[in-house]
Amino acid sequence: MNAEKRRAIFERLRVANPHPTTELEYTSPFELLIAVMLSAQATDVSVNKAMRKLYPVANTPAAIYKLGVDGLIPYIQTIGLYRTKAKNVIETCRLLLAEHGGEVPQTREGLESLPGVGRKTANVILNTAFGHPTIAVDTHIFRVSNRTGIAPGKTVEIVERKLLKVVPAEFQLDIHHWLILHGRYTCIARKPQCWNCLIADLCDYKEKTPLPLKGV
């Protein structure tokens, strides 16, 4: 895909959604960090439901650490892998208090030193909480980047590097959210809704899906 076509795609996505953001609910970098940690292999909807119960009770490193693993589990047990996640969250809170003054680090190195925080989670926090032009490649972004031809690659690392290379600076802050939302609601895994896609004519995907017949 050439640069001109990519720019046209990004411009359409920007017009359709000028101020995109995560669907996770949060009011502070710490709340976002915990929500993203819990969202691995889980839906944003399930995480939001759990956080609506947890955050009114505890929404700081000190408060959640005070709950302990056993105290945290009842709030998050509806989320997949909740036992492992509970341990990581409590240890993360301990480290934030002991090494970061209770604040979420604003560097990749600081974030990735926390248990349960990998490159993807760090990228989300740097982008969404702190406004860094990072791109967290999840399954949606990986699929959309490859299917459309925007930034094809065999691994998430390759796709991330390509996106950072081919996405103009003016779009880098928002491209993460645009591609996730596009993959979540339009360019879905099993059968993309090409008939309802605002970039279908610019996309390199050859097997475009037609408008489904009524009753089918």
C-alpha atoms as a PDB file:
ATOM      1  CA  MET A   1       0.000   0.000   0.000  1.00  0.00           C
ATOM      2  CA  ASN A   2       1.394   3.401  -0.924  1.00  0.00           C
ATOM      3  CA  ALA A   3       1.670   6.412   1.366  1.00  0.00           C
ATOM      4  CA  GLU A   4      -1.084   8.322  -0.430  1.00  0.00           C
ATOM      5  CA  LYS A   5      -3.625   5.574   0.121  1.00  0.00           C
ATOM      6  CA  ARG A   6      -2.632   5.191   3.781  1.00  0.00           C
ATOM      7  CA  ARG A   7      -3.053   8.912   4.370  1.00  0.00           C
ATOM      8  CA  ALA A   8      -6.519   8.789   2.817  1.00  0.00           C
ATOM      9  CA  ILE A   9      -7.435   5.952   5.205  1.00  0.00           C
ATOM     10  CA  PHE A  10      -6.153   7.834   8.254  1.00  0.00           C
ATOM     11  CA  GLU A  11      -7.951  11.005   7.212  1.00  0.00           C
ATOM     12  CA  ARG A  12     -11.262   9.175   6.862  1.00  0.00           C
ATOM     13  CA  LEU A  13     -10.835   7.533  10.251  1.00  0.00           C
ATOM     14  CA  ARG A  14     -10.076  10.931  11.779  1.00  0.00           C
ATOM     15  CA  VAL A  15     -13.146  12.552  10.239  1.00  0.00           C
ATOM     16  CA  ALA A  16     -15.347   9.712  11.509  1.00  0.00           C
ATOM     17  CA  ASN A  17     -13.846   9.782  15.020  1.00  0.00           C
ATOM     18  CA  PRO A  18     -11.803  12.943  15.730  1.00  0.00           C
ATOM     19  CA  HIS A  19     -11.113  12.161  19.391  1.00  0.00           C
ATOM     20  CA  PRO A  20     -10.854   8.388  19.833  1.00  0.00           C
ATOM     21  CA  THR A  21     -10.049   6.803  23.156  1.00  0.00           C
ATOM     22  CA  THR A  22     -10.123   3.477  24.947  1.00  0.00           C
ATOM     23  CA  GLU A  23     -13.427   1.870  25.888  1.00  0.00           C
ATOM     24  CA  LEU A  24     -12.025   1.023  29.306  1.00  0.00           C
ATOM     25  CA  GLU A  25     -13.416   3.300  31.999  1.00  0.00           C
ATOM     26  CA  TYR A  26     -10.882   5.157  34.151  1.00  0.00           C
ATOM     27  CA  THR A  27     -10.272   8.480  35.884  1.00  0.00           C
ATOM     28  CA  SER A  28      -6.515   8.255  36.548  1.00  0.00           C
ATOM     29  CA  PRO A  29      -3.408   6.650  35.044  1.00  0.00           C
ATOM     30  CA  PHE A  30      -3.451   4.116  37.881  1.00  0.00           C
ATOM     31  CA  GLU A  31      -7.062   3.108  37.207  1.00  0.00           C
ATOM     32  CA  LEU A  32      -6.211   2.699  33.532  1.00  0.00           C
ATOM     33  CA  LEU A  33      -3.130   0.614  34.349  1.00  0.00           C
ATOM     34  CA  ILE A  34      -5.122  -1.829  36.470  1.00  0.00           C
ATOM     35  CA  ALA A  35      -7.928  -2.016  33.908  1.00  0.00           C
ATOM     36  CA  VAL A  36      -5.497  -2.773  31.077  1.00  0.00           C
ATOM     37  CA  MET A  37      -3.733  -5.417  33.162  1.00  0.00           C
ATOM     38  CA  LEU A  38      -7.076  -7.085  33.818  1.00  0.00           C
ATOM     39  CA  SER A  39      -8.202  -6.824  30.184  1.00  0.00           C
ATOM     40  CA  ALA A  40      -5.742  -9.418  28.862  1.00  0.00           C
ATOM     41  CA  GLN A  41      -7.818 -12.241  27.321  1.00  0.00           C
ATOM     42  CA  ALA A  42     -10.971 -10.504  28.568  1.00  0.00           C
ATOM     43  CA  THR A  43     -13.421  -7.992  27.133  1.00  0.00           C
ATOM     44  CA  ASP A  44     -13.449  -4.318  28.025  1.00  0.00           C
ATOM     45  CA  VAL A  45     -17.109  -4.759  28.972  1.00  0.00           C
ATOM     46  CA  SER A  46     -16.292  -7.406  31.593  1.00  0.00           C
ATOM     47  CA  VAL A  47     -13.441  -5.314  33.002  1.00  0.00           C
ATOM     48  CA  ASN A  48     -15.599  -2.194  33.214  1.00  0.00           C
ATOM     49  CA  LYS A  49     -18.289  -4.111  35.115  1.00  0.00           C
ATOM     50  CA  ALA A  50     -15.740  -5.312  37.648  1.00  0.00           C
ATOM     51  CA  MET A  51     -14.069  -1.926  38.003  1.00  0.00           C
ATOM     52  CA  ARG A  52     -17.402  -0.211  38.693  1.00  0.00           C
ATOM     53  CA  LYS A  53     -17.547  -2.321  41.851  1.00  0.00           C
ATOM     54  CA  LEU A  54     -13.864  -2.128  42.770  1.00  0.00           C
ATOM     55  CA  TYR A  55     -12.942   1.519  42.197  1.00  0.00           C
ATOM     56  CA  PRO A  56     -15.550   3.056  44.546  1.00  0.00           C
ATOM     57  CA  VAL A  57     -13.979   0.897  47.267  1.00  0.00           C
ATOM     58  CA  ALA A  58     -10.305   1.058  46.256  1.00  0.00           C
ATOM     59  CA  ASN A  59      -8.753   3.006  43.384  1.00  0.00           C
ATOM     60  CA  THR A  60      -5.233   3.824  44.585  1.00  0.00           C
ATOM     61  CA  PRO A  61      -2.147   1.624  44.960  1.00  0.00           C
ATOM     62  CA  ALA A  62      -2.369   1.843  48.748  1.00  0.00           C
ATOM     63  CA  ALA A  63      -6.063   1.002  48.897  1.00  0.00           C
ATOM     64  CA  ILE A  64      -5.866  -1.965  46.533  1.00  0.00           C
ATOM     65  CA  TYR A  65      -2.676  -3.249  48.161  1.00  0.00           C
ATOM     66  CA  LYS A  66      -4.482  -3.156  51.494  1.00  0.00           C
ATOM     67  CA  LEU A  67      -7.143  -5.485  50.077  1.00  0.00           C
ATOM     68  CA  GLY A  68      -4.544  -8.149  49.373  1.00  0.00           C
ATOM     69  CA  VAL A  69      -5.003 -10.960  46.874  1.00  0.00           C
ATOM     70  CA  ASP A  70      -7.868 -12.573  48.774  1.00  0.00           C
ATOM     71  CA  GLY A  71      -9.646  -9.260  49.187  1.00  0.00           C
ATOM     72  CA  LEU A  72      -9.245  -8.341  45.524  1.00  0.00           C
ATOM     73  CA  ILE A  73     -10.409 -11.634  44.024  1.00  0.00           C
ATOM     74  CA  PRO A  74     -14.143 -11.193  44.806  1.00  0.00           C
ATOM     75  CA  TYR A  75     -14.151  -8.014  42.688  1.00  0.00           C
ATOM     76  CA  ILE A  76     -12.426  -9.537  39.660  1.00  0.00           C
ATOM     77  CA  GLN A  77     -13.395 -13.214  39.710  1.00  0.00           C
ATOM     78  CA  THR A  78     -15.704 -12.712  36.718  1.00  0.00           C
ATOM     79  CA  ILE A  79     -12.606 -11.894  34.617  1.00  0.00           C
ATOM     80  CA  GLY A  80     -10.511 -14.612  33.031  1.00  0.00           C
ATOM     81  CA  LEU A  81      -7.267 -15.653  34.760  1.00  0.00           C
ATOM     82  CA  TYR A  82      -8.353 -13.665  37.803  1.00  0.00           C
ATOM     83  CA  ARG A  83      -6.117 -15.449  40.315  1.00  0.00           C
ATOM     84  CA  THR A  84      -2.918 -14.712  38.413  1.00  0.00           C
ATOM     85  CA  LYS A  85      -4.090 -11.195  37.662  1.00  0.00           C
ATOM     86  CA  ALA A  86      -4.910 -10.563  41.320  1.00  0.00           C
ATOM     87  CA  LYS A  87      -1.369 -11.538  42.328  1.00  0.00           C
ATOM     88  CA  ASN A  88       0.124  -9.290  39.639  1.00  0.00           C
ATOM     89  CA  VAL A  89      -2.077  -6.340  40.605  1.00  0.00           C
ATOM     90  CA  ILE A  90      -1.189  -6.575  44.295  1.00  0.00           C
ATOM     91  CA  GLU A  91       2.532  -6.885  43.535  1.00  0.00           C
ATOM     92  CA  THR A  92       2.278  -3.970  41.101  1.00  0.00           C
ATOM     93  CA  CYS A  93       0.674  -1.842  43.812  1.00  0.00           C
ATOM     94  CA  ARG A  94       3.464  -2.794  46.211  1.00  0.00           C
ATOM     95  CA  LEU A  95       6.124  -1.792  43.686  1.00  0.00           C
ATOM     96  CA  LEU A  96       4.382   1.461  42.835  1.00  0.00           C
ATOM     97  CA  LEU A  97       4.349   2.383  46.519  1.00  0.00           C
ATOM     98  CA  ALA A  98       7.900   1.173  47.241  1.00  0.00           C
ATOM     99  CA  GLU A  99       9.697   2.403  44.133  1.00  0.00           C
ATOM    100  CA  HIS A 100       7.577   5.032  42.393  1.00  0.00           C
ATOM    101  CA  GLY A 101       6.000   7.087  45.159  1.00  0.00           C
ATOM    102  CA  GLY A 102       2.596   5.615  44.396  1.00  0.00           C
ATOM    103  CA  GLU A 103       2.648   7.045  40.853  1.00  0.00           C
ATOM    104  CA  VAL A 104       2.444   5.196  37.545  1.00  0.00           C
ATOM    105  CA  PRO A 105       5.824   5.375  35.734  1.00  0.00           C
ATOM    106  CA  GLN A 106       5.854   7.417  32.538  1.00  0.00           C
ATOM    107  CA  THR A 107       8.632   5.385  30.921  1.00  0.00           C
ATOM    108  CA  ARG A 108       8.491   2.072  29.098  1.00  0.00           C
ATOM    109  CA  GLU A 109      11.240   0.663  31.293  1.00  0.00           C
ATOM    110  CA  GLY A 110       9.404   1.597  34.485  1.00  0.00           C
ATOM    111  CA  LEU A 111       6.119   0.175  33.262  1.00  0.00           C
ATOM    112  CA  GLU A 112       7.581  -3.067  31.963  1.00  0.00           C
ATOM    113  CA  SER A 113       9.295  -3.652  35.319  1.00  0.00           C
ATOM    114  CA  LEU A 114       5.840  -4.175  36.838  1.00  0.00           C
ATOM    115  CA  PRO A 115       4.482  -7.759  36.963  1.00  0.00           C
ATOM    116  CA  GLY A 116       1.872  -8.463  34.312  1.00  0.00           C
ATOM    117  CA  VAL A 117       2.898  -5.429  32.263  1.00  0.00           C
ATOM    118  CA  GLY A 118       4.394  -6.249  28.881  1.00  0.00           C
ATOM    119  CA  ARG A 119       5.155  -4.095  25.872  1.00  0.00           C
ATOM    120  CA  LYS A 120       1.543  -3.927  24.702  1.00  0.00           C
ATOM    121  CA  THR A 121       0.212  -2.796  28.090  1.00  0.00           C
ATOM    122  CA  ALA A 122       3.050  -0.293  28.446  1.00  0.00           C
ATOM    123  CA  ASN A 123       2.234   1.143  25.029  1.00  0.00           C
ATOM    124  CA  VAL A 124      -1.429   1.558  25.966  1.00  0.00           C
ATOM    125  CA  ILE A 125      -0.551   3.420  29.170  1.00  0.00           C
ATOM    126  CA  LEU A 126       2.053   5.631  27.492  1.00  0.00           C
ATOM    127  CA  ASN A 127      -0.384   6.492  24.702  1.00  0.00           C
ATOM    128  CA  THR A 128      -3.707   6.833  26.493  1.00  0.00           C
ATOM    129  CA  ALA A 129      -2.660   8.086  29.926  1.00  0.00           C
ATOM    130  CA  PHE A 130       0.364  10.172  28.993  1.00  0.00           C
ATOM    131  CA  GLY A 131      -0.124  11.135  25.346  1.00  0.00           C
ATOM    132  CA  HIS A 132       2.910   9.406  23.865  1.00  0.00           C
ATOM    133  CA  PRO A 133       2.648   8.388  20.186  1.00  0.00           C
ATOM    134  CA  THR A 134       3.023   4.674  20.914  1.00  0.00           C
ATOM    135  CA  ILE A 135       1.073   1.912  19.181  1.00  0.00           C
ATOM    136  CA  ALA A 136      -0.021  -1.152  21.125  1.00  0.00           C
ATOM    137  CA  VAL A 137      -0.603  -3.961  18.631  1.00  0.00           C
ATOM    138  CA  ASP A 138      -3.331  -6.279  19.882  1.00  0.00           C
ATOM    139  CA  THR A 139      -5.209  -8.931  17.886  1.00  0.00           C
ATOM    140  CA  HIS A 140      -7.496  -6.308  16.320  1.00  0.00           C
ATOM    141  CA  ILE A 141      -4.676  -4.032  15.169  1.00  0.00           C
ATOM    142  CA  PHE A 142      -2.649  -7.015  13.944  1.00  0.00           C
ATOM    143  CA  ARG A 143      -5.601  -8.259  11.884  1.00  0.00           C
ATOM    144  CA  VAL A 144      -6.569  -4.863  10.456  1.00  0.00           C
ATOM    145  CA  SER A 145      -2.975  -3.933   9.616  1.00  0.00           C
ATOM    146  CA  ASN A 146      -2.485  -7.177   7.704  1.00  0.00           C
ATOM    147  CA  ARG A 147      -5.911  -7.460   6.106  1.00  0.00           C
ATOM    148  CA  THR A 148      -6.058  -3.889   4.823  1.00  0.00           C
ATOM    149  CA  GLY A 149      -2.410  -3.788   3.793  1.00  0.00           C
ATOM    150  CA  ILE A 150      -1.658  -0.749   5.961  1.00  0.00           C
ATOM    151  CA  ALA A 151       1.260  -2.474   7.716  1.00  0.00           C
ATOM    152  CA  PRO A 152       1.476  -6.210   7.025  1.00  0.00           C
ATOM    153  CA  GLY A 153       3.748  -8.367   9.144  1.00  0.00           C
ATOM    154  CA  LYS A 154       4.038 -11.881  10.548  1.00  0.00           C
ATOM    155  CA  THR A 155       4.430 -10.798  14.187  1.00  0.00           C
ATOM    156  CA  VAL A 156       3.029  -8.034  16.380  1.00  0.00           C
ATOM    157  CA  GLU A 157       6.534  -6.620  16.740  1.00  0.00           C
ATOM    158  CA  ILE A 158       6.945  -6.316  12.978  1.00  0.00           C
ATOM    159  CA  VAL A 159       3.505  -4.716  12.609  1.00  0.00           C
ATOM    160  CA  GLU A 160       4.280  -2.238  15.402  1.00  0.00           C
ATOM    161  CA  ARG A 161       7.568  -1.227  13.781  1.00  0.00           C
ATOM    162  CA  LYS A 162       5.907  -0.839  10.389  1.00  0.00           C
ATOM    163  CA  LEU A 163       3.075   1.269  11.786  1.00  0.00           C
ATOM    164  CA  LEU A 164       5.512   3.579  13.542  1.00  0.00           C
ATOM    165  CA  LYS A 165       7.360   3.921  10.237  1.00  0.00           C
ATOM    166  CA  VAL A 166       4.420   4.460   7.860  1.00  0.00           C
ATOM    167  CA  VAL A 167       1.928   6.398  10.008  1.00  0.00           C
ATOM    168  CA  PRO A 168       2.560  10.165   9.741  1.00  0.00           C
ATOM    169  CA  ALA A 169       3.239  11.936  13.051  1.00  0.00           C
ATOM    170  CA  GLU A 170      -0.097  13.765  13.012  1.00  0.00           C
ATOM    171  CA  PHE A 171      -1.966  10.448  13.208  1.00  0.00           C
ATOM    172  CA  GLN A 172       0.288   8.448  15.536  1.00  0.00           C
ATOM    173  CA  LEU A 173      -1.415   9.415  18.781  1.00  0.00           C
ATOM    174  CA  ASP A 174      -4.828   8.203  17.593  1.00  0.00           C
ATOM    175  CA  ILE A 175      -4.086   5.377  15.155  1.00  0.00           C
ATOM    176  CA  HIS A 176      -3.985   2.849  18.011  1.00  0.00           C
ATOM    177  CA  HIS A 177      -7.614   3.564  18.933  1.00  0.00           C
ATOM    178  CA  TRP A 178      -8.872   3.900  15.355  1.00  0.00           C
ATOM    179  CA  LEU A 179      -7.529   0.497  14.352  1.00  0.00           C
ATOM    180  CA  ILE A 180      -8.748  -1.253  17.508  1.00  0.00           C
ATOM    181  CA  LEU A 181     -12.266   0.118  17.104  1.00  0.00           C
ATOM    182  CA  HIS A 182     -12.259  -0.643  13.385  1.00  0.00           C
ATOM    183  CA  GLY A 183     -11.231  -4.224  14.098  1.00  0.00           C
ATOM    184  CA  ARG A 184     -13.685  -4.614  16.944  1.00  0.00           C
ATOM    185  CA  TYR A 185     -16.778  -3.375  15.139  1.00  0.00           C
ATOM    186  CA  THR A 186     -16.207  -3.431  11.358  1.00  0.00           C
ATOM    187  CA  CYS A 187     -13.166  -5.411  10.249  1.00  0.00           C
ATOM    188  CA  ILE A 188     -14.113  -8.302  12.526  1.00  0.00           C
ATOM    189  CA  ALA A 189     -12.238 -11.584  12.522  1.00  0.00           C
ATOM    190  CA  ARG A 190     -14.560 -14.131  10.952  1.00  0.00           C
ATOM    191  CA  LYS A 191     -16.453 -12.038   8.430  1.00  0.00           C
ATOM    192  CA  PRO A 192     -15.472  -8.398   7.992  1.00  0.00           C
ATOM    193  CA  GLN A 193     -18.329  -6.018   7.305  1.00  0.00           C
ATOM    194  CA  CYS A 194     -16.813  -4.644   4.088  1.00  0.00           C
ATOM    195  CA  TRP A 195     -20.248  -3.496   2.936  1.00  0.00           C
ATOM    196  CA  ASN A 196     -20.380  -1.162   5.933  1.00  0.00           C
ATOM    197  CA  CYS A 197     -16.731  -0.045   5.923  1.00  0.00           C
ATOM    198  CA  LEU A 198     -15.733   3.567   5.361  1.00  0.00           C
ATOM    199  CA  ILE A 199     -12.341   2.582   3.950  1.00  0.00           C
ATOM    200  CA  ALA A 200     -13.407  -0.429   1.851  1.00  0.00           C
ATOM    201  CA  ASP A 201     -12.455   1.218  -1.446  1.00  0.00           C
ATOM    202  CA  LEU A 202      -8.959   1.951  -0.120  1.00  0.00           C
ATOM    203  CA  CYS A 203      -8.375  -1.429   1.519  1.00  0.00           C
ATOM    204  CA  ASP A 204      -6.201  -4.079  -0.187  1.00  0.00           C
ATOM    205  CA  TYR A 205      -8.310  -6.993   1.100  1.00  0.00           C
ATOM    206  CA  LYS A 206      -9.363  -8.937  -1.987  1.00  0.00           C
ATOM    207  CA  GLU A 207     -12.230 -11.028  -0.597  1.00  0.00           C
ATOM    208  CA  LYS A 208     -14.607  -8.162   0.206  1.00  0.00           C
ATOM    209  CA  THR A 209     -17.829  -9.320   1.857  1.00  0.00           C
ATOM    210  CA  PRO A 210     -21.106  -8.217   0.241  1.00  0.00           C
ATOM    211  CA  LEU A 211     -24.149  -6.824   2.020  1.00  0.00           C
ATOM    212  CA  PRO A 212     -25.904  -9.835   3.610  1.00  0.00           C
ATOM    213  CA  LEU A 213     -29.317 -10.728   2.250  1.00  0.00           C
ATOM    214  CA  LYS A 214     -32.268 -10.214   4.569  1.00  0.00           C
ATOM    215  CA  GLY A 215     -33.227 -13.337   6.435  1.00  0.00           C
ATOM    216  CA  VAL A 216     -29.837 -14.949   5.815  1.00  0.00           C
END
